[in-house]
Amino acid sequence: MKIEQIDLVATGENIKRLRVKNGITVAQIQEWLGLSSPRIIYKWQRGERLPSVENLIALSKMFNTIVNDIVIFK
């Protein structure tokens, strides 16, 4: 059985694509998630980090989609 791995870079690019498509700024995501700095959002978009499950759920609501449409697997 092959276990799928999350493609961090593709997922980050997808987060940015969905953000832009929905006309949402990084500052709006920061406020929506209650983050003190936008730094982590930029790390997500560059594929350096993956949002927590809670943040993925919040992003899916903000983007009006489901988590599976945000996360990209290799």
PDB file of N, CA and C in Angstrom:
ATOM      1  N   MET A   1       0.841  -1.180   0.000  1.00  0.00           N
ATOM      2  CA  MET A   1       0.000   0.000   0.000  1.00  0.00           C
ATOM      3  C   MET A   1       0.887   1.244   0.000  1.00  0.00           C
ATOM      4  N   LYS A   2       0.630   2.142  -0.935  1.00  0.00           N
ATOM      5  CA  LYS A   2       1.408   3.378  -1.027  1.00  0.00           C
ATOM      6  C   LYS A   2       0.722   4.463  -0.199  1.00  0.00           C
ATOM      7  N   ILE A   3       1.509   5.094   0.658  1.00  0.00           N
ATOM      8  CA  ILE A   3       0.998   6.204   1.460  1.00  0.00           C
ATOM      9  C   ILE A   3       1.318   7.492   0.718  1.00  0.00           C
ATOM     10  N   GLU A   4       0.278   8.262   0.448  1.00  0.00           N
ATOM     11  CA  GLU A   4       0.485   9.521  -0.264  1.00  0.00           C
ATOM     12  C   GLU A   4       1.117  10.549   0.656  1.00  0.00           C
ATOM     13  N   GLN A   5       1.983  11.358   0.083  1.00  0.00           N
ATOM     14  CA  GLN A   5       2.612  12.434   0.825  1.00  0.00           C
ATOM     15  C   GLN A   5       2.117  13.776   0.291  1.00  0.00           C
ATOM     16  N   ILE A   6       2.008  14.726   1.189  1.00  0.00           N
ATOM     17  CA  ILE A   6       1.591  16.061   0.792  1.00  0.00           C
ATOM     18  C   ILE A   6       2.745  16.759   0.081  1.00  0.00           C
ATOM     19  N   ASP A   7       2.437  17.349  -1.048  1.00  0.00           N
ATOM     20  CA  ASP A   7       3.411  18.132  -1.795  1.00  0.00           C
ATOM     21  C   ASP A   7       3.340  19.559  -1.248  1.00  0.00           C
ATOM     22  N   LEU A   8       4.320  19.922  -0.418  1.00  0.00           N
ATOM     23  CA  LEU A   8       4.302  21.228   0.244  1.00  0.00           C
ATOM     24  C   LEU A   8       4.329  22.389  -0.741  1.00  0.00           C
ATOM     25  N   VAL A   9       5.172  22.288  -1.752  1.00  0.00           N
ATOM     26  CA  VAL A   9       5.307  23.380  -2.715  1.00  0.00           C
ATOM     27  C   VAL A   9       4.017  23.542  -3.520  1.00  0.00           C
ATOM     28  N   ALA A  10       3.470  22.443  -4.028  1.00  0.00           N
ATOM     29  CA  ALA A  10       2.231  22.511  -4.812  1.00  0.00           C
ATOM     30  C   ALA A  10       1.067  22.987  -3.945  1.00  0.00           C
ATOM     31  N   THR A  11       1.033  22.558  -2.695  1.00  0.00           N
ATOM     32  CA  THR A  11      -0.023  23.006  -1.784  1.00  0.00           C
ATOM     33  C   THR A  11       0.113  24.504  -1.529  1.00  0.00           C
ATOM     34  N   GLY A  12       1.326  24.979  -1.315  1.00  0.00           N
ATOM     35  CA  GLY A  12       1.563  26.404  -1.107  1.00  0.00           C
ATOM     36  C   GLY A  12       1.149  27.229  -2.306  1.00  0.00           C
ATOM     37  N   GLU A  13       1.502  26.747  -3.503  1.00  0.00           N
ATOM     38  CA  GLU A  13       1.108  27.441  -4.726  1.00  0.00           C
ATOM     39  C   GLU A  13      -0.416  27.459  -4.855  1.00  0.00           C
ATOM     40  N   ASN A  14      -1.052  26.373  -4.428  1.00  0.00           N
ATOM     41  CA  ASN A  14      -2.506  26.282  -4.494  1.00  0.00           C
ATOM     42  C   ASN A  14      -3.170  27.240  -3.503  1.00  0.00           C
ATOM     43  N   ILE A  15      -2.590  27.373  -2.316  1.00  0.00           N
ATOM     44  CA  ILE A  15      -3.114  28.328  -1.336  1.00  0.00           C
ATOM     45  C   ILE A  15      -3.055  29.733  -1.916  1.00  0.00           C
ATOM     46  N   LYS A  16      -1.930  30.071  -2.528  1.00  0.00           N
ATOM     47  CA  LYS A  16      -1.797  31.400  -3.125  1.00  0.00           C
ATOM     48  C   LYS A  16      -2.784  31.582  -4.270  1.00  0.00           C
ATOM     49  N   ARG A  17      -2.928  30.562  -5.116  1.00  0.00           N
ATOM     50  CA  ARG A  17      -3.851  30.637  -6.249  1.00  0.00           C
ATOM     51  C   ARG A  17      -5.284  30.857  -5.762  1.00  0.00           C
ATOM     52  N   LEU A  18      -5.696  30.091  -4.742  1.00  0.00           N
ATOM     53  CA  LEU A  18      -7.051  30.233  -4.203  1.00  0.00           C
ATOM     54  C   LEU A  18      -7.249  31.594  -3.543  1.00  0.00           C
ATOM     55  N   ARG A  19      -6.211  32.066  -2.863  1.00  0.00           N
ATOM     56  CA  ARG A  19      -6.285  33.381  -2.223  1.00  0.00           C
ATOM     57  C   ARG A  19      -6.511  34.469  -3.268  1.00  0.00           C
ATOM     58  N   VAL A  20      -5.706  34.455  -4.325  1.00  0.00           N
ATOM     59  CA  VAL A  20      -5.808  35.461  -5.382  1.00  0.00           C
ATOM     60  C   VAL A  20      -7.145  35.329  -6.112  1.00  0.00           C
ATOM     61  N   LYS A  21      -7.533  34.094  -6.442  1.00  0.00           N
ATOM     62  CA  LYS A  21      -8.796  33.849  -7.151  1.00  0.00           C
ATOM     63  C   LYS A  21      -9.977  34.433  -6.384  1.00  0.00           C
ATOM     64  N   ASN A  22      -9.922  34.359  -5.063  1.00  0.00           N
ATOM     65  CA  ASN A  22     -11.015  34.849  -4.222  1.00  0.00           C
ATOM     66  C   ASN A  22     -10.853  36.316  -3.826  1.00  0.00           C
ATOM     67  N   GLY A  23      -9.791  36.967  -4.321  1.00  0.00           N
ATOM     68  CA  GLY A  23      -9.579  38.381  -4.034  1.00  0.00           C
ATOM     69  C   GLY A  23      -9.280  38.648  -2.571  1.00  0.00           C
ATOM     70  N   ILE A  24      -8.568  37.709  -1.940  1.00  0.00           N
ATOM     71  CA  ILE A  24      -8.257  37.805  -0.512  1.00  0.00           C
ATOM     72  C   ILE A  24      -6.780  38.171  -0.348  1.00  0.00           C
ATOM     73  N   THR A  25      -6.504  39.099   0.548  1.00  0.00           N
ATOM     74  CA  THR A  25      -5.124  39.497   0.809  1.00  0.00           C
ATOM     75  C   THR A  25      -4.533  38.653   1.937  1.00  0.00           C
ATOM     76  N   VAL A  26      -3.215  38.668   2.018  1.00  0.00           N
ATOM     77  CA  VAL A  26      -2.530  37.983   3.113  1.00  0.00           C
ATOM     78  C   VAL A  26      -2.974  38.588   4.448  1.00  0.00           C
ATOM     79  N   ALA A  27      -3.135  39.913   4.476  1.00  0.00           N
ATOM     80  CA  ALA A  27      -3.579  40.590   5.705  1.00  0.00           C
ATOM     81  C   ALA A  27      -4.966  40.111   6.138  1.00  0.00           C
ATOM     82  N   GLN A  28      -5.840  39.843   5.177  1.00  0.00           N
ATOM     83  CA  GLN A  28      -7.175  39.341   5.509  1.00  0.00           C
ATOM     84  C   GLN A  28      -7.101  37.931   6.096  1.00  0.00           C
ATOM     85  N   ILE A  29      -6.223  37.103   5.553  1.00  0.00           N
ATOM     86  CA  ILE A  29      -6.039  35.758   6.119  1.00  0.00           C
ATOM     87  C   ILE A  29      -5.492  35.869   7.531  1.00  0.00           C
ATOM     88  N   GLN A  30      -4.508  36.744   7.704  1.00  0.00           N
ATOM     89  CA  GLN A  30      -3.910  36.952   9.018  1.00  0.00           C
ATOM     90  C   GLN A  30      -4.986  37.319  10.042  1.00  0.00           C
ATOM     91  N   GLU A  31      -5.840  38.249   9.668  1.00  0.00           N
ATOM     92  CA  GLU A  31      -6.908  38.685  10.566  1.00  0.00           C
ATOM     93  C   GLU A  31      -7.915  37.555  10.816  1.00  0.00           C
ATOM     94  N   TRP A  32      -8.322  36.861   9.760  1.00  0.00           N
ATOM     95  CA  TRP A  32      -9.298  35.763   9.840  1.00  0.00           C
ATOM     96  C   TRP A  32      -8.816  34.677  10.801  1.00  0.00           C
ATOM     97  N   LEU A  33      -7.506  34.375  10.732  1.00  0.00           N
ATOM     98  CA  LEU A  33      -6.955  33.307  11.565  1.00  0.00           C
ATOM     99  C   LEU A  33      -6.458  33.805  12.920  1.00  0.00           C
ATOM    100  N   GLY A  34      -6.455  35.118  13.110  1.00  0.00           N
ATOM    101  CA  GLY A  34      -5.991  35.675  14.378  1.00  0.00           C
ATOM    102  C   GLY A  34      -4.494  35.528  14.585  1.00  0.00           C
ATOM    103  N   LEU A  35      -3.743  35.626  13.497  1.00  0.00           N
ATOM    104  CA  LEU A  35      -2.284  35.490  13.576  1.00  0.00           C
ATOM    105  C   LEU A  35      -1.658  36.837  13.895  1.00  0.00           C
ATOM    106  N   SER A  36      -0.582  36.812  14.672  1.00  0.00           N
ATOM    107  CA  SER A  36       0.081  38.064  15.045  1.00  0.00           C
ATOM    108  C   SER A  36       0.963  38.613  13.931  1.00  0.00           C
ATOM    109  N   SER A  37       1.345  37.753  12.987  1.00  0.00           N
ATOM    110  CA  SER A  37       2.229  38.155  11.896  1.00  0.00           C
ATOM    111  C   SER A  37       1.820  37.409  10.625  1.00  0.00           C
ATOM    112  N   PRO A  38       2.045  38.001   9.453  1.00  0.00           N
ATOM    113  CA  PRO A  38       1.730  37.299   8.208  1.00  0.00           C
ATOM    114  C   PRO A  38       2.830  36.322   7.776  1.00  0.00           C
ATOM    115  N   ARG A  39       3.925  36.304   8.511  1.00  0.00           N
ATOM    116  CA  ARG A  39       5.104  35.511   8.128  1.00  0.00           C
ATOM    117  C   ARG A  39       4.758  34.054   7.816  1.00  0.00           C
ATOM    118  N   ILE A  40       3.931  33.423   8.642  1.00  0.00           N
ATOM    119  CA  ILE A  40       3.616  32.001   8.448  1.00  0.00           C
ATOM    120  C   ILE A  40       2.831  31.790   7.157  1.00  0.00           C
ATOM    121  N   ILE A  41       1.991  32.751   6.796  1.00  0.00           N
ATOM    122  CA  ILE A  41       1.213  32.627   5.561  1.00  0.00           C
ATOM    123  C   ILE A  41       2.141  32.621   4.361  1.00  0.00           C
ATOM    124  N   TYR A  42       3.151  33.469   4.381  1.00  0.00           N
ATOM    125  CA  TYR A  42       4.133  33.477   3.289  1.00  0.00           C
ATOM    126  C   TYR A  42       4.909  32.157   3.250  1.00  0.00           C
ATOM    127  N   LYS A  43       5.192  31.577   4.409  1.00  0.00           N
ATOM    128  CA  LYS A  43       5.870  30.272   4.453  1.00  0.00           C
ATOM    129  C   LYS A  43       4.988  29.192   3.850  1.00  0.00           C
ATOM    130  N   TRP A  44       3.678  29.257   4.118  1.00  0.00           N
ATOM    131  CA  TRP A  44       2.757  28.295   3.496  1.00  0.00           C
ATOM    132  C   TRP A  44       2.809  28.440   1.984  1.00  0.00           C
ATOM    133  N   GLN A  45       2.728  29.675   1.504  1.00  0.00           N
ATOM    134  CA  GLN A  45       2.684  29.929   0.069  1.00  0.00           C
ATOM    135  C   GLN A  45       3.974  29.527  -0.639  1.00  0.00           C
ATOM    136  N   ARG A  46       5.084  29.566   0.068  1.00  0.00           N
ATOM    137  CA  ARG A  46       6.376  29.147  -0.519  1.00  0.00           C
ATOM    138  C   ARG A  46       6.607  27.647  -0.366  1.00  0.00           C
ATOM    139  N   GLY A  47       5.722  26.961   0.324  1.00  0.00           N
ATOM    140  CA  GLY A  47       5.872  25.517   0.515  1.00  0.00           C
ATOM    141  C   GLY A  47       6.887  25.159   1.574  1.00  0.00           C
ATOM    142  N   GLU A  48       7.168  26.082   2.486  1.00  0.00           N
ATOM    143  CA  GLU A  48       8.120  25.812   3.565  1.00  0.00           C
ATOM    144  C   GLU A  48       7.438  25.174   4.772  1.00  0.00           C
ATOM    145  N   ARG A  49       6.151  25.437   4.928  1.00  0.00           N
ATOM    146  CA  ARG A  49       5.377  24.890   6.057  1.00  0.00           C
ATOM    147  C   ARG A  49       3.988  24.555   5.558  1.00  0.00           C
ATOM    148  N   LEU A  50       3.314  23.710   6.317  1.00  0.00           N
ATOM    149  CA  LEU A  50       1.940  23.341   6.022  1.00  0.00           C
ATOM    150  C   LEU A  50       1.045  23.912   7.110  1.00  0.00           C
ATOM    151  N   PRO A  51      -0.103  24.486   6.747  1.00  0.00           N
ATOM    152  CA  PRO A  51      -1.006  24.973   7.792  1.00  0.00           C
ATOM    153  C   PRO A  51      -1.470  23.831   8.690  1.00  0.00           C
ATOM    154  N   SER A  52      -1.777  24.146   9.934  1.00  0.00           N
ATOM    155  CA  SER A  52      -2.330  23.144  10.841  1.00  0.00           C
ATOM    156  C   SER A  52      -3.698  22.711  10.308  1.00  0.00           C
ATOM    157  N   VAL A  53      -4.197  21.618  10.827  1.00  0.00           N
ATOM    158  CA  VAL A  53      -5.514  21.135  10.420  1.00  0.00           C
ATOM    159  C   VAL A  53      -6.567  22.215  10.677  1.00  0.00           C
ATOM    160  N   GLU A  54      -6.486  22.865  11.828  1.00  0.00           N
ATOM    161  CA  GLU A  54      -7.445  23.920  12.158  1.00  0.00           C
ATOM    162  C   GLU A  54      -7.375  25.064  11.140  1.00  0.00           C
ATOM    163  N   ASN A  55      -6.151  25.438  10.775  1.00  0.00           N
ATOM    164  CA  ASN A  55      -5.997  26.526   9.803  1.00  0.00           C
ATOM    165  C   ASN A  55      -6.436  26.099   8.404  1.00  0.00           C
ATOM    166  N   LEU A  56      -6.219  24.841   8.045  1.00  0.00           N
ATOM    167  CA  LEU A  56      -6.698  24.358   6.753  1.00  0.00           C
ATOM    168  C   LEU A  56      -8.221  24.412   6.685  1.00  0.00           C
ATOM    169  N   ILE A  57      -8.874  24.042   7.774  1.00  0.00           N
ATOM    170  CA  ILE A  57     -10.338  24.094   7.822  1.00  0.00           C
ATOM    171  C   ILE A  57     -10.812  25.544   7.699  1.00  0.00           C
ATOM    172  N   ALA A  58     -10.146  26.454   8.416  1.00  0.00           N
ATOM    173  CA  ALA A  58     -10.511  27.869   8.337  1.00  0.00           C
ATOM    174  C   ALA A  58     -10.280  28.418   6.932  1.00  0.00           C
ATOM    175  N   LEU A  59      -9.162  28.037   6.307  1.00  0.00           N
ATOM    176  CA  LEU A  59      -8.885  28.486   4.940  1.00  0.00           C
ATOM    177  C   LEU A  59      -9.938  27.946   3.974  1.00  0.00           C
ATOM    178  N   SER A  60     -10.351  26.705   4.165  1.00  0.00           N
ATOM    179  CA  SER A  60     -11.357  26.131   3.271  1.00  0.00           C
ATOM    180  C   SER A  60     -12.664  26.914   3.360  1.00  0.00           C
ATOM    181  N   LYS A  61     -13.012  27.357   4.556  1.00  0.00           N
ATOM    182  CA  LYS A  61     -14.222  28.170   4.710  1.00  0.00           C
ATOM    183  C   LYS A  61     -14.035  29.537   4.052  1.00  0.00           C
ATOM    184  N   MET A  62     -12.860  30.121   4.235  1.00  0.00           N
ATOM    185  CA  MET A  62     -12.578  31.430   3.656  1.00  0.00           C
ATOM    186  C   MET A  62     -12.587  31.366   2.128  1.00  0.00           C
ATOM    187  N   PHE A  63     -12.070  30.274   1.574  1.00  0.00           N
ATOM    188  CA  PHE A  63     -11.989  30.095   0.125  1.00  0.00           C
ATOM    189  C   PHE A  63     -13.257  29.453  -0.449  1.00  0.00           C
ATOM    190  N   ASN A  64     -14.210  29.127   0.429  1.00  0.00           N
ATOM    191  CA  ASN A  64     -15.466  28.489   0.020  1.00  0.00           C
ATOM    192  C   ASN A  64     -15.215  27.194  -0.755  1.00  0.00           C
ATOM    193  N   THR A  65     -14.390  26.341  -0.157  1.00  0.00           N
ATOM    194  CA  THR A  65     -14.044  25.064  -0.769  1.00  0.00           C
ATOM    195  C   THR A  65     -13.860  24.038   0.344  1.00  0.00           C
ATOM    196  N   ILE A  66     -13.338  22.877   0.016  1.00  0.00           N
ATOM    197  CA  ILE A  66     -13.050  21.851   1.019  1.00  0.00           C
ATOM    198  C   ILE A  66     -11.538  21.685   1.151  1.00  0.00           C
ATOM    199  N   VAL A  67     -11.120  21.131   2.270  1.00  0.00           N
ATOM    200  CA  VAL A  67      -9.687  20.949   2.539  1.00  0.00           C
ATOM    201  C   VAL A  67      -9.024  20.144   1.424  1.00  0.00           C
ATOM    202  N   ASN A  68      -9.707  19.139   0.911  1.00  0.00           N
ATOM    203  CA  ASN A  68      -9.127  18.311  -0.153  1.00  0.00           C
ATOM    204  C   ASN A  68      -8.827  19.104  -1.417  1.00  0.00           C
ATOM    205  N   ASP A  69      -9.487  20.245  -1.588  1.00  0.00           N
ATOM    206  CA  ASP A  69      -9.199  21.083  -2.755  1.00  0.00           C
ATOM    207  C   ASP A  69      -8.037  22.047  -2.505  1.00  0.00           C
ATOM    208  N   ILE A  70      -7.540  22.069  -1.277  1.00  0.00           N
ATOM    209  CA  ILE A  70      -6.396  22.917  -0.929  1.00  0.00           C
ATOM    210  C   ILE A  70      -5.100  22.109  -0.945  1.00  0.00           C
ATOM    211  N   VAL A  71      -5.139  20.950  -0.316  1.00  0.00           N
ATOM    212  CA  VAL A  71      -3.951  20.111  -0.154  1.00  0.00           C
ATOM    213  C   VAL A  71      -3.701  19.317  -1.436  1.00  0.00           C
ATOM    214  N   ILE A  72      -2.452  19.339  -1.902  1.00  0.00           N
ATOM    215  CA  ILE A  72      -2.041  18.616  -3.102  1.00  0.00           C
ATOM    216  C   ILE A  72      -1.106  17.472  -2.690  1.00  0.00           C
ATOM    217  N   PHE A  73      -1.375  16.276  -3.206  1.00  0.00           N
ATOM    218  CA  PHE A  73      -0.553  15.119  -2.891  1.00  0.00           C
ATOM    219  C   PHE A  73       0.381  14.802  -4.045  1.00  0.00           C
ATOM    220  N   LYS A  74       1.539  14.216  -3.696  1.00  0.00           N
ATOM    221  CA  LYS A  74       2.530  13.818  -4.708  1.00  0.00           C
ATOM    222  C   LYS A  74       2.053  12.578  -5.416  1.00  0.00           C
TER     223      LYS A  74
END
